[in-house]
């Protein structure tokens, strides 16, 4: 599919998208993502959220406050590396959540690097769920830390609410490194509407229009942008409306599964042919052994079966 030139221009735009070169377009995050979804035949995204109280018993030392921090972090990393093995070759990407690693300080961040490296070695795209957002000089350091330094993420989540100057360093990194970002637009958490729905039109629509504009200078040959949007499955009508506002923006769709979103709810986030979106499930895969449907199964077998069920559901709704 040929790349769409020019992109979308939103009213009141405050910064221009970065210029790109042909060489950079050949290795954009958008192209790698589109290829990975096509290769796997599904748009399932496995979230790596190691809730300590839910870890299988063989990793119980991770929640033992009396154990050495390095030992606890190691157990957490062991679990996630096994989940990566379950996901490898079956889904396009995994999404480690940095907060759970940061709990263990330097030991936790060593495990972050281990898990990211394991996933990349397995051929998975890695979306770092870091939700960073700060003034431009600090944003530049965040972009370097997660998108440039090894082992680097393919893309990260960012918070746009400090404004355009805080987003610019991430866009520059995407252009320079062939990386991607997912901007928080309409999230799936319970009280997300407090600020995101404020005003007329609501604030999240203003953010959506900026995301579309920022991404217009970072199109891959697949026609999609490397600037994505986080849009929750718990707001299906808004998901459809935001897809119309951001027609070439990759969506990262949380809220499926444990948060209450169904396969039917996420369908509106896709472009024709099941393109342009990833649907995240974390607890529903990692801790499937706790669900009645998988009672008595080894945790890894339960995770594998739950992932297969999700793949089938998402494939069905995204055609």
C-alpha atoms as a PDB file:
ATOM      1  CA  UNK A   1       0.000   0.000   0.000  1.00  0.00           C
ATOM      2  CA  UNK A   2       1.464   3.373  -0.947  1.00  0.00           C
ATOM      3  CA  UNK A   3       2.141   5.930   1.763  1.00  0.00           C
ATOM      4  CA  UNK A   4      -0.312   8.750   2.062  1.00  0.00           C
ATOM      5  CA  UNK A   5       1.413  12.099   1.695  1.00  0.00           C
ATOM      6  CA  UNK A   6       0.499  15.264   3.519  1.00  0.00           C
ATOM      7  CA  UNK A   7      -1.452  13.769   6.419  1.00  0.00           C
ATOM      8  CA  UNK A   8      -4.041  15.623   8.441  1.00  0.00           C
ATOM      9  CA  UNK A   9      -3.934  19.184   9.674  1.00  0.00           C
ATOM     10  CA  UNK A  10      -5.927  20.066  12.764  1.00  0.00           C
ATOM     11  CA  UNK A  11      -7.136  23.511  13.696  1.00  0.00           C
ATOM     12  CA  UNK A  12      -5.097  25.336  16.299  1.00  0.00           C
ATOM     13  CA  UNK A  13      -1.992  23.204  15.698  1.00  0.00           C
ATOM     14  CA  UNK A  14       0.898  24.437  17.784  1.00  0.00           C
ATOM     15  CA  UNK A  15       3.916  22.606  16.397  1.00  0.00           C
ATOM     16  CA  UNK A  16       4.793  21.172  13.035  1.00  0.00           C
ATOM     17  CA  UNK A  17       5.542  17.479  12.521  1.00  0.00           C
ATOM     18  CA  UNK A  18       9.214  16.661  11.988  1.00  0.00           C
ATOM     19  CA  UNK A  19      10.662  16.322   8.525  1.00  0.00           C
ATOM     20  CA  UNK A  20      11.625  12.794   7.471  1.00  0.00           C
ATOM     21  CA  UNK A  21      13.851  11.271   4.833  1.00  0.00           C
ATOM     22  CA  UNK A  22      13.286   8.271   2.569  1.00  0.00           C
ATOM     23  CA  UNK A  23      15.813   6.153   4.481  1.00  0.00           C
ATOM     24  CA  UNK A  24      13.973   6.757   7.747  1.00  0.00           C
ATOM     25  CA  UNK A  25      10.602   5.910   6.191  1.00  0.00           C
ATOM     26  CA  UNK A  26      11.955   2.527   5.148  1.00  0.00           C
ATOM     27  CA  UNK A  27      12.417   1.467   8.765  1.00  0.00           C
ATOM     28  CA  UNK A  28       9.645   3.287  10.589  1.00  0.00           C
ATOM     29  CA  UNK A  29       7.896   1.845  13.597  1.00  0.00           C
ATOM     30  CA  UNK A  30       4.649   2.003  11.618  1.00  0.00           C
ATOM     31  CA  UNK A  31       6.055  -0.297   8.933  1.00  0.00           C
ATOM     32  CA  UNK A  32       7.478  -2.763  11.458  1.00  0.00           C
ATOM     33  CA  UNK A  33       4.162  -2.819  13.307  1.00  0.00           C
ATOM     34  CA  UNK A  34       2.098  -3.325  10.176  1.00  0.00           C
ATOM     35  CA  UNK A  35       4.398  -6.129   9.071  1.00  0.00           C
ATOM     36  CA  UNK A  36       4.271  -7.827  12.493  1.00  0.00           C
ATOM     37  CA  UNK A  37       0.456  -7.766  12.609  1.00  0.00           C
ATOM     38  CA  UNK A  38       0.287  -9.197   9.095  1.00  0.00           C
ATOM     39  CA  UNK A  39       2.859 -11.875   9.886  1.00  0.00           C
ATOM     40  CA  UNK A  40       1.124 -13.000  13.098  1.00  0.00           C
ATOM     41  CA  UNK A  41      -2.374 -12.750  11.663  1.00  0.00           C
ATOM     42  CA  UNK A  42      -3.731 -10.996  14.746  1.00  0.00           C
ATOM     43  CA  UNK A  43      -3.483  -7.721  16.662  1.00  0.00           C
ATOM     44  CA  UNK A  44      -3.208  -9.096  20.203  1.00  0.00           C
ATOM     45  CA  UNK A  45      -0.829  -7.275  22.538  1.00  0.00           C
ATOM     46  CA  UNK A  46       0.345  -8.981  25.735  1.00  0.00           C
ATOM     47  CA  UNK A  47       0.795  -6.527  28.599  1.00  0.00           C
ATOM     48  CA  UNK A  48       3.595  -7.461  30.984  1.00  0.00           C
ATOM     49  CA  UNK A  49       2.190  -6.208  34.299  1.00  0.00           C
ATOM     50  CA  UNK A  50       3.716  -8.329  37.090  1.00  0.00           C
ATOM     51  CA  UNK A  51       1.231  -7.837  39.934  1.00  0.00           C
ATOM     52  CA  UNK A  52       3.144  -9.482  42.753  1.00  0.00           C
ATOM     53  CA  UNK A  53       0.081 -10.784  44.610  1.00  0.00           C
ATOM     54  CA  UNK A  54      -1.087 -12.634  41.481  1.00  0.00           C
ATOM     55  CA  UNK A  55       2.169 -14.323  40.487  1.00  0.00           C
ATOM     56  CA  UNK A  56       2.081 -18.134  40.422  1.00  0.00           C
ATOM     57  CA  UNK A  57       3.342 -19.849  43.544  1.00  0.00           C
ATOM     58  CA  UNK A  58       6.691 -20.801  42.040  1.00  0.00           C
ATOM     59  CA  UNK A  59       7.508 -17.085  41.904  1.00  0.00           C
ATOM     60  CA  UNK A  60       6.112 -16.301  45.378  1.00  0.00           C
ATOM     61  CA  UNK A  61       9.449 -15.010  46.654  1.00  0.00           C
ATOM     62  CA  UNK A  62       8.778 -11.873  44.574  1.00  0.00           C
ATOM     63  CA  UNK A  63       6.131 -10.833  47.136  1.00  0.00           C
ATOM     64  CA  UNK A  64       8.160 -11.819  50.191  1.00  0.00           C
ATOM     65  CA  UNK A  65       9.065  -8.533  51.867  1.00  0.00           C
ATOM     66  CA  UNK A  66      11.726 -10.348  53.894  1.00  0.00           C
ATOM     67  CA  UNK A  67      13.636 -11.573  50.849  1.00  0.00           C
ATOM     68  CA  UNK A  68      16.506  -9.672  49.282  1.00  0.00           C
ATOM     69  CA  UNK A  69      15.378  -7.116  46.727  1.00  0.00           C
ATOM     70  CA  UNK A  70      17.543  -8.635  43.990  1.00  0.00           C
ATOM     71  CA  UNK A  71      16.016 -12.070  44.608  1.00  0.00           C
ATOM     72  CA  UNK A  72      12.488 -10.676  44.431  1.00  0.00           C
ATOM     73  CA  UNK A  73      13.234  -8.794  41.232  1.00  0.00           C
ATOM     74  CA  UNK A  74      14.844 -11.883  39.700  1.00  0.00           C
ATOM     75  CA  UNK A  75      11.710 -13.960  40.351  1.00  0.00           C
ATOM     76  CA  UNK A  76       9.550 -11.301  38.724  1.00  0.00           C
ATOM     77  CA  UNK A  77      11.846 -11.241  35.707  1.00  0.00           C
ATOM     78  CA  UNK A  78      11.855 -15.050  35.490  1.00  0.00           C
ATOM     79  CA  UNK A  79       8.059 -15.053  35.291  1.00  0.00           C
ATOM     80  CA  UNK A  80       7.922 -12.391  32.599  1.00  0.00           C
ATOM     81  CA  UNK A  81      10.589 -14.063  30.494  1.00  0.00           C
ATOM     82  CA  UNK A  82       8.467 -17.214  30.485  1.00  0.00           C
ATOM     83  CA  UNK A  83       5.450 -15.156  29.411  1.00  0.00           C
ATOM     84  CA  UNK A  84       7.560 -13.726  26.594  1.00  0.00           C
ATOM     85  CA  UNK A  85       8.278 -17.295  25.509  1.00  0.00           C
ATOM     86  CA  UNK A  86       4.523 -18.007  25.458  1.00  0.00           C
ATOM     87  CA  UNK A  87       3.902 -14.922  23.291  1.00  0.00           C
ATOM     88  CA  UNK A  88       6.840 -15.293  20.904  1.00  0.00           C
ATOM     89  CA  UNK A  89       5.806 -15.960  17.319  1.00  0.00           C
ATOM     90  CA  UNK A  90       2.121 -15.675  18.185  1.00  0.00           C
ATOM     91  CA  UNK A  91       1.525 -11.952  18.688  1.00  0.00           C
ATOM     92  CA  UNK A  92       3.112  -8.824  17.221  1.00  0.00           C
ATOM     93  CA  UNK A  93       4.205  -7.171  20.465  1.00  0.00           C
ATOM     94  CA  UNK A  94       4.456  -7.122  24.235  1.00  0.00           C
ATOM     95  CA  UNK A  95       4.041  -4.130  26.547  1.00  0.00           C
ATOM     96  CA  UNK A  96       6.075  -4.123  29.785  1.00  0.00           C
ATOM     97  CA  UNK A  97       4.790  -1.693  32.443  1.00  0.00           C
ATOM     98  CA  UNK A  98       7.757   0.135  33.947  1.00  0.00           C
ATOM     99  CA  UNK A  99       6.187   0.917  37.334  1.00  0.00           C
ATOM    100  CA  UNK A 100       6.250  -2.716  38.435  1.00  0.00           C
ATOM    101  CA  UNK A 101       9.975  -2.879  37.711  1.00  0.00           C
ATOM    102  CA  UNK A 102      10.706   0.437  39.397  1.00  0.00           C
ATOM    103  CA  UNK A 103       9.302  -0.955  42.659  1.00  0.00           C
ATOM    104  CA  UNK A 104      12.581  -2.870  42.991  1.00  0.00           C
ATOM    105  CA  UNK A 105      14.859   0.056  42.190  1.00  0.00           C
ATOM    106  CA  UNK A 106      18.078  -0.710  40.339  1.00  0.00           C
ATOM    107  CA  UNK A 107      17.426  -4.454  40.635  1.00  0.00           C
ATOM    108  CA  UNK A 108      14.050  -3.977  39.009  1.00  0.00           C
ATOM    109  CA  UNK A 109      15.444  -1.904  36.172  1.00  0.00           C
ATOM    110  CA  UNK A 110      18.043  -4.602  35.523  1.00  0.00           C
ATOM    111  CA  UNK A 111      15.116  -6.972  35.057  1.00  0.00           C
ATOM    112  CA  UNK A 112      13.427  -4.415  32.779  1.00  0.00           C
ATOM    113  CA  UNK A 113      16.462  -4.546  30.526  1.00  0.00           C
ATOM    114  CA  UNK A 114      16.487  -8.334  30.692  1.00  0.00           C
ATOM    115  CA  UNK A 115      12.806  -8.634  29.721  1.00  0.00           C
ATOM    116  CA  UNK A 116      13.060  -6.050  26.926  1.00  0.00           C
ATOM    117  CA  UNK A 117      16.125  -7.807  25.525  1.00  0.00           C
ATOM    118  CA  UNK A 118      14.418 -11.226  25.778  1.00  0.00           C
ATOM    119  CA  UNK A 119      11.368  -9.940  23.893  1.00  0.00           C
ATOM    120  CA  UNK A 120      13.397  -8.299  21.147  1.00  0.00           C
ATOM    121  CA  UNK A 121      15.520 -11.435  20.742  1.00  0.00           C
ATOM    122  CA  UNK A 122      12.265 -13.393  20.344  1.00  0.00           C
ATOM    123  CA  UNK A 123      11.237 -11.163  17.439  1.00  0.00           C
ATOM    124  CA  UNK A 124       8.552  -9.281  19.360  1.00  0.00           C
ATOM    125  CA  UNK A 125       8.031  -5.544  19.143  1.00  0.00           C
ATOM    126  CA  UNK A 126       8.380  -3.933  22.566  1.00  0.00           C
ATOM    127  CA  UNK A 127       6.097  -1.085  23.606  1.00  0.00           C
ATOM    128  CA  UNK A 128       7.400   0.398  26.831  1.00  0.00           C
ATOM    129  CA  UNK A 129       4.413   1.439  28.924  1.00  0.00           C
ATOM    130  CA  UNK A 130       6.184   4.313  30.663  1.00  0.00           C
ATOM    131  CA  UNK A 131       3.682   7.192  30.201  1.00  0.00           C
ATOM    132  CA  UNK A 132       6.393   9.824  30.403  1.00  0.00           C
ATOM    133  CA  UNK A 133       5.647  13.520  29.975  1.00  0.00           C
ATOM    134  CA  UNK A 134       7.751  16.454  31.150  1.00  0.00           C
ATOM    135  CA  UNK A 135       9.409  19.676  30.007  1.00  0.00           C
ATOM    136  CA  UNK A 136      11.360  19.452  26.770  1.00  0.00           C
ATOM    137  CA  UNK A 137      14.841  18.910  28.217  1.00  0.00           C
ATOM    138  CA  UNK A 138      13.573  16.127  30.475  1.00  0.00           C
ATOM    139  CA  UNK A 139      11.455  14.625  27.691  1.00  0.00           C
ATOM    140  CA  UNK A 140      14.601  14.460  25.564  1.00  0.00           C
ATOM    141  CA  UNK A 141      16.297  12.407  28.283  1.00  0.00           C
ATOM    142  CA  UNK A 142      13.285  10.082  28.550  1.00  0.00           C
ATOM    143  CA  UNK A 143      13.312   9.577  24.785  1.00  0.00           C
ATOM    144  CA  UNK A 144      17.006   8.740  24.886  1.00  0.00           C
ATOM    145  CA  UNK A 145      16.583   6.370  27.822  1.00  0.00           C
ATOM    146  CA  UNK A 146      13.788   4.279  26.328  1.00  0.00           C
ATOM    147  CA  UNK A 147      14.096   4.673  22.554  1.00  0.00           C
ATOM    148  CA  UNK A 148      17.833   4.986  21.983  1.00  0.00           C
ATOM    149  CA  UNK A 149      19.848   3.303  24.710  1.00  0.00           C
ATOM    150  CA  UNK A 150      20.170  -0.483  24.506  1.00  0.00           C
ATOM    151  CA  UNK A 151      18.109  -2.550  25.028  1.00  0.00           C
ATOM    152  CA  UNK A 152      15.695  -0.040  23.561  1.00  0.00           C
ATOM    153  CA  UNK A 153      11.951  -0.182  23.109  1.00  0.00           C
ATOM    154  CA  UNK A 154      10.381   0.013  19.666  1.00  0.00           C
ATOM    155  CA  UNK A 155       7.788   2.464  21.001  1.00  0.00           C
ATOM    156  CA  UNK A 156       6.663   3.959  24.294  1.00  0.00           C
ATOM    157  CA  UNK A 157       3.540   5.524  25.754  1.00  0.00           C
ATOM    158  CA  UNK A 158       3.673   9.259  26.518  1.00  0.00           C
ATOM    159  CA  UNK A 159       1.514  11.817  28.310  1.00  0.00           C
ATOM    160  CA  UNK A 160       0.849  14.971  26.239  1.00  0.00           C
ATOM    161  CA  UNK A 161      -0.654  17.180  28.932  1.00  0.00           C
ATOM    162  CA  UNK A 162       2.378  19.429  29.353  1.00  0.00           C
ATOM    163  CA  UNK A 163       1.910  20.569  25.761  1.00  0.00           C
ATOM    164  CA  UNK A 164       3.646  20.533  22.416  1.00  0.00           C
ATOM    165  CA  UNK A 165       7.157  21.362  23.617  1.00  0.00           C
ATOM    166  CA  UNK A 166       7.066  18.285  25.846  1.00  0.00           C
ATOM    167  CA  UNK A 167       6.039  16.076  22.934  1.00  0.00           C
ATOM    168  CA  UNK A 168       8.525  17.400  20.373  1.00  0.00           C
ATOM    169  CA  UNK A 169      11.590  15.485  21.710  1.00  0.00           C
ATOM    170  CA  UNK A 170       9.719  12.208  21.344  1.00  0.00           C
ATOM    171  CA  UNK A 171       8.692  13.057  17.769  1.00  0.00           C
ATOM    172  CA  UNK A 172      12.284  13.942  16.952  1.00  0.00           C
ATOM    173  CA  UNK A 173      13.412  10.603  18.362  1.00  0.00           C
ATOM    174  CA  UNK A 174      10.830   8.793  16.236  1.00  0.00           C
ATOM    175  CA  UNK A 175      12.121  10.506  13.086  1.00  0.00           C
ATOM    176  CA  UNK A 176      15.764   9.934  13.955  1.00  0.00           C
ATOM    177  CA  UNK A 177      15.562   6.372  15.288  1.00  0.00           C
ATOM    178  CA  UNK A 178      12.601   4.843  13.482  1.00  0.00           C
ATOM    179  CA  UNK A 179      10.795   4.563  16.812  1.00  0.00           C
ATOM    180  CA  UNK A 180       7.162   5.074  17.760  1.00  0.00           C
ATOM    181  CA  UNK A 181       5.070   6.696  20.467  1.00  0.00           C
ATOM    182  CA  UNK A 182       1.530   6.174  21.691  1.00  0.00           C
ATOM    183  CA  UNK A 183      -0.007   9.358  23.049  1.00  0.00           C
ATOM    184  CA  UNK A 184      -2.639   9.120  25.794  1.00  0.00           C
ATOM    185  CA  UNK A 185      -5.878  10.319  24.202  1.00  0.00           C
ATOM    186  CA  UNK A 186      -8.860   8.579  25.833  1.00  0.00           C
ATOM    187  CA  UNK A 187      -7.899   6.109  28.502  1.00  0.00           C
ATOM    188  CA  UNK A 188      -9.857   3.207  29.983  1.00  0.00           C
ATOM    189  CA  UNK A 189      -9.517   3.944  33.697  1.00  0.00           C
ATOM    190  CA  UNK A 190     -12.602   4.631  35.807  1.00  0.00           C
ATOM    191  CA  UNK A 191     -12.256   8.397  36.271  1.00  0.00           C
ATOM    192  CA  UNK A 192     -10.534   9.266  33.004  1.00  0.00           C
ATOM    193  CA  UNK A 193     -13.344  11.623  32.019  1.00  0.00           C
ATOM    194  CA  UNK A 194     -12.547  14.124  34.795  1.00  0.00           C
ATOM    195  CA  UNK A 195     -10.098  15.965  32.530  1.00  0.00           C
ATOM    196  CA  UNK A 196     -10.325  14.114  29.219  1.00  0.00           C
ATOM    197  CA  UNK A 197     -14.028  14.944  28.769  1.00  0.00           C
ATOM    198  CA  UNK A 198     -13.712  18.540  29.966  1.00  0.00           C
ATOM    199  CA  UNK A 199     -14.854  21.343  27.684  1.00  0.00           C
ATOM    200  CA  UNK A 200     -16.764  21.569  24.427  1.00  0.00           C
ATOM    201  CA  UNK A 201     -15.469  19.948  22.334  1.00  0.00           C
ATOM    202  CA  UNK A 202     -13.946  17.673  24.977  1.00  0.00           C
ATOM    203  CA  UNK A 203     -10.226  17.932  25.639  1.00  0.00           C
ATOM    204  CA  UNK A 204      -9.509  14.437  24.335  1.00  0.00           C
ATOM    205  CA  UNK A 205     -10.702  15.496  20.875  1.00  0.00           C
ATOM    206  CA  UNK A 206      -8.198  18.354  20.864  1.00  0.00           C
ATOM    207  CA  UNK A 207      -5.482  15.864  21.788  1.00  0.00           C
ATOM    208  CA  UNK A 208      -6.662  13.500  19.041  1.00  0.00           C
ATOM    209  CA  UNK A 209      -6.418  16.239  16.425  1.00  0.00           C
ATOM    210  CA  UNK A 210      -2.891  17.103  17.547  1.00  0.00           C
ATOM    211  CA  UNK A 211      -1.885  13.438  17.446  1.00  0.00           C
ATOM    212  CA  UNK A 212      -3.132  13.194  13.856  1.00  0.00           C
ATOM    213  CA  UNK A 213      -1.182  16.296  12.894  1.00  0.00           C
ATOM    214  CA  UNK A 214       2.018  15.290  14.673  1.00  0.00           C
ATOM    215  CA  UNK A 215       1.870  11.925  12.968  1.00  0.00           C
ATOM    216  CA  UNK A 216       1.399  13.317   9.468  1.00  0.00           C
ATOM    217  CA  UNK A 217       5.160  13.783   9.095  1.00  0.00           C
ATOM    218  CA  UNK A 218       5.988  10.284  10.291  1.00  0.00           C
ATOM    219  CA  UNK A 219       4.162   8.075   7.814  1.00  0.00           C
ATOM    220  CA  UNK A 220       5.558   4.708   6.827  1.00  0.00           C
ATOM    221  CA  UNK A 221       5.315   3.116   3.411  1.00  0.00           C
ATOM    222  CA  UNK A 222       2.328   1.183   4.791  1.00  0.00           C
ATOM    223  CA  UNK A 223       0.380   4.463   5.025  1.00  0.00           C
ATOM    224  CA  UNK A 224       0.214   4.452   8.815  1.00  0.00           C
ATOM    225  CA  UNK A 225       1.941   6.848  11.206  1.00  0.00           C
ATOM    226  CA  UNK A 226       4.538   6.084  13.874  1.00  0.00           C
ATOM    227  CA  UNK A 227       2.617   8.393  16.224  1.00  0.00           C
ATOM    228  CA  UNK A 228      -0.128   6.307  17.797  1.00  0.00           C
ATOM    229  CA  UNK A 229      -2.944   6.918  20.252  1.00  0.00           C
ATOM    230  CA  UNK A 230      -4.063   5.151  23.414  1.00  0.00           C
ATOM    231  CA  UNK A 231      -7.852   4.832  23.183  1.00  0.00           C
ATOM    232  CA  UNK A 232      -9.702   2.572  25.612  1.00  0.00           C
ATOM    233  CA  UNK A 233     -12.043  -0.269  24.717  1.00  0.00           C
ATOM    234  CA  UNK A 234     -14.349   0.778  27.547  1.00  0.00           C
ATOM    235  CA  UNK A 235     -15.607   3.696  25.413  1.00  0.00           C
ATOM    236  CA  UNK A 236     -16.664   1.970  22.146  1.00  0.00           C
ATOM    237  CA  UNK A 237     -18.671   4.893  20.738  1.00  0.00           C
ATOM    238  CA  UNK A 238     -15.779   7.249  21.337  1.00  0.00           C
ATOM    239  CA  UNK A 239     -13.413   4.693  19.854  1.00  0.00           C
ATOM    240  CA  UNK A 240     -15.339   4.827  16.578  1.00  0.00           C
ATOM    241  CA  UNK A 241     -15.491   8.615  16.616  1.00  0.00           C
ATOM    242  CA  UNK A 242     -11.775   8.954  17.354  1.00  0.00           C
ATOM    243  CA  UNK A 243     -10.910   6.501  14.601  1.00  0.00           C
ATOM    244  CA  UNK A 244     -12.629   8.864  12.165  1.00  0.00           C
ATOM    245  CA  UNK A 245     -10.558  11.771  13.501  1.00  0.00           C
ATOM    246  CA  UNK A 246      -7.306   9.791  13.288  1.00  0.00           C
ATOM    247  CA  UNK A 247      -7.594   7.649  10.143  1.00  0.00           C
ATOM    248  CA  UNK A 248      -3.877   6.755   9.798  1.00  0.00           C
ATOM    249  CA  UNK A 249      -3.015   6.615  13.506  1.00  0.00           C
ATOM    250  CA  UNK A 250      -2.187   3.240  15.079  1.00  0.00           C
ATOM    251  CA  UNK A 251      -4.361   2.658  18.129  1.00  0.00           C
ATOM    252  CA  UNK A 252      -3.274   0.953  21.316  1.00  0.00           C
ATOM    253  CA  UNK A 253      -6.518  -0.243  22.874  1.00  0.00           C
ATOM    254  CA  UNK A 254      -6.487  -1.084  26.591  1.00  0.00           C
ATOM    255  CA  UNK A 255      -9.528  -2.134  28.589  1.00  0.00           C
ATOM    256  CA  UNK A 256     -10.172  -5.478  26.884  1.00  0.00           C
ATOM    257  CA  UNK A 257     -10.726  -8.458  29.164  1.00  0.00           C
ATOM    258  CA  UNK A 258     -10.110  -7.807  32.858  1.00  0.00           C
ATOM    259  CA  UNK A 259     -11.197  -4.154  32.587  1.00  0.00           C
ATOM    260  CA  UNK A 260     -14.533  -5.094  31.029  1.00  0.00           C
ATOM    261  CA  UNK A 261     -14.060  -4.381  27.329  1.00  0.00           C
ATOM    262  CA  UNK A 262     -15.209  -7.092  24.920  1.00  0.00           C
ATOM    263  CA  UNK A 263     -14.015  -8.124  21.469  1.00  0.00           C
ATOM    264  CA  UNK A 264     -17.108  -6.431  20.044  1.00  0.00           C
ATOM    265  CA  UNK A 265     -16.125  -3.170  21.748  1.00  0.00           C
ATOM    266  CA  UNK A 266     -12.715  -2.963  20.054  1.00  0.00           C
ATOM    267  CA  UNK A 267     -13.833  -3.538  16.452  1.00  0.00           C
ATOM    268  CA  UNK A 268     -14.355   0.149  15.696  1.00  0.00           C
ATOM    269  CA  UNK A 269     -10.692   0.865  16.410  1.00  0.00           C
ATOM    270  CA  UNK A 270      -9.481  -1.114  13.407  1.00  0.00           C
ATOM    271  CA  UNK A 271      -8.923  -0.088   9.831  1.00  0.00           C
ATOM    272  CA  UNK A 272     -10.056  -2.404   7.016  1.00  0.00           C
ATOM    273  CA  UNK A 273      -8.267  -5.741   6.973  1.00  0.00           C
ATOM    274  CA  UNK A 274      -7.616  -5.767  10.725  1.00  0.00           C
ATOM    275  CA  UNK A 275      -4.906  -3.117  10.469  1.00  0.00           C
ATOM    276  CA  UNK A 276      -4.030  -0.087  12.529  1.00  0.00           C
ATOM    277  CA  UNK A 277      -4.598  -1.277  16.091  1.00  0.00           C
ATOM    278  CA  UNK A 278      -3.267  -3.429  18.906  1.00  0.00           C
ATOM    279  CA  UNK A 279      -5.591  -4.737  21.622  1.00  0.00           C
ATOM    280  CA  UNK A 280      -3.979  -5.169  25.013  1.00  0.00           C
ATOM    281  CA  UNK A 281      -4.631  -7.848  27.589  1.00  0.00           C
ATOM    282  CA  UNK A 282      -2.450  -8.149  30.672  1.00  0.00           C
ATOM    283  CA  UNK A 283      -4.098  -9.829  33.647  1.00  0.00           C
ATOM    284  CA  UNK A 284      -6.366 -11.913  31.406  1.00  0.00           C
ATOM    285  CA  UNK A 285      -3.300 -13.659  29.945  1.00  0.00           C
ATOM    286  CA  UNK A 286      -0.671 -13.565  32.685  1.00  0.00           C
ATOM    287  CA  UNK A 287      -2.983 -14.770  35.451  1.00  0.00           C
ATOM    288  CA  UNK A 288      -5.397 -16.914  33.452  1.00  0.00           C
ATOM    289  CA  UNK A 289      -4.686 -19.809  35.820  1.00  0.00           C
ATOM    290  CA  UNK A 290      -6.810 -17.984  38.403  1.00  0.00           C
ATOM    291  CA  UNK A 291      -9.869 -17.982  36.118  1.00  0.00           C
ATOM    292  CA  UNK A 292     -12.516 -20.727  36.480  1.00  0.00           C
ATOM    293  CA  UNK A 293     -12.173 -21.624  32.792  1.00  0.00           C
ATOM    294  CA  UNK A 294      -8.569 -22.689  33.341  1.00  0.00           C
ATOM    295  CA  UNK A 295      -8.849 -24.092  36.866  1.00  0.00           C
ATOM    296  CA  UNK A 296      -6.357 -26.841  37.642  1.00  0.00           C
ATOM    297  CA  UNK A 297      -4.059 -26.035  34.729  1.00  0.00           C
ATOM    298  CA  UNK A 298      -0.415 -25.119  35.065  1.00  0.00           C
ATOM    299  CA  UNK A 299      -0.152 -21.345  34.911  1.00  0.00           C
ATOM    300  CA  UNK A 300       1.849 -21.399  31.672  1.00  0.00           C
ATOM    301  CA  UNK A 301      -0.632 -23.688  29.911  1.00  0.00           C
ATOM    302  CA  UNK A 302      -3.474 -21.482  31.105  1.00  0.00           C
ATOM    303  CA  UNK A 303      -1.726 -18.374  29.768  1.00  0.00           C
ATOM    304  CA  UNK A 304      -1.194 -20.078  26.407  1.00  0.00           C
ATOM    305  CA  UNK A 305      -4.828 -21.122  26.122  1.00  0.00           C
ATOM    306  CA  UNK A 306      -6.084 -17.697  27.178  1.00  0.00           C
ATOM    307  CA  UNK A 307      -3.861 -16.106  24.562  1.00  0.00           C
ATOM    308  CA  UNK A 308      -5.217 -18.451  21.877  1.00  0.00           C
ATOM    309  CA  UNK A 309      -8.769 -17.513  22.870  1.00  0.00           C
ATOM    310  CA  UNK A 310      -7.936 -13.812  22.682  1.00  0.00           C
ATOM    311  CA  UNK A 311      -6.266 -14.213  19.286  1.00  0.00           C
ATOM    312  CA  UNK A 312      -9.397 -15.871  17.902  1.00  0.00           C
ATOM    313  CA  UNK A 313     -11.706 -13.217  19.359  1.00  0.00           C
ATOM    314  CA  UNK A 314      -9.646 -10.281  18.116  1.00  0.00           C
ATOM    315  CA  UNK A 315      -9.171 -11.797  14.675  1.00  0.00           C
ATOM    316  CA  UNK A 316     -12.924 -12.212  14.399  1.00  0.00           C
ATOM    317  CA  UNK A 317     -13.779  -8.625  15.338  1.00  0.00           C
ATOM    318  CA  UNK A 318     -11.085  -6.923  13.265  1.00  0.00           C
ATOM    319  CA  UNK A 319     -11.839  -8.332   9.808  1.00  0.00           C
END
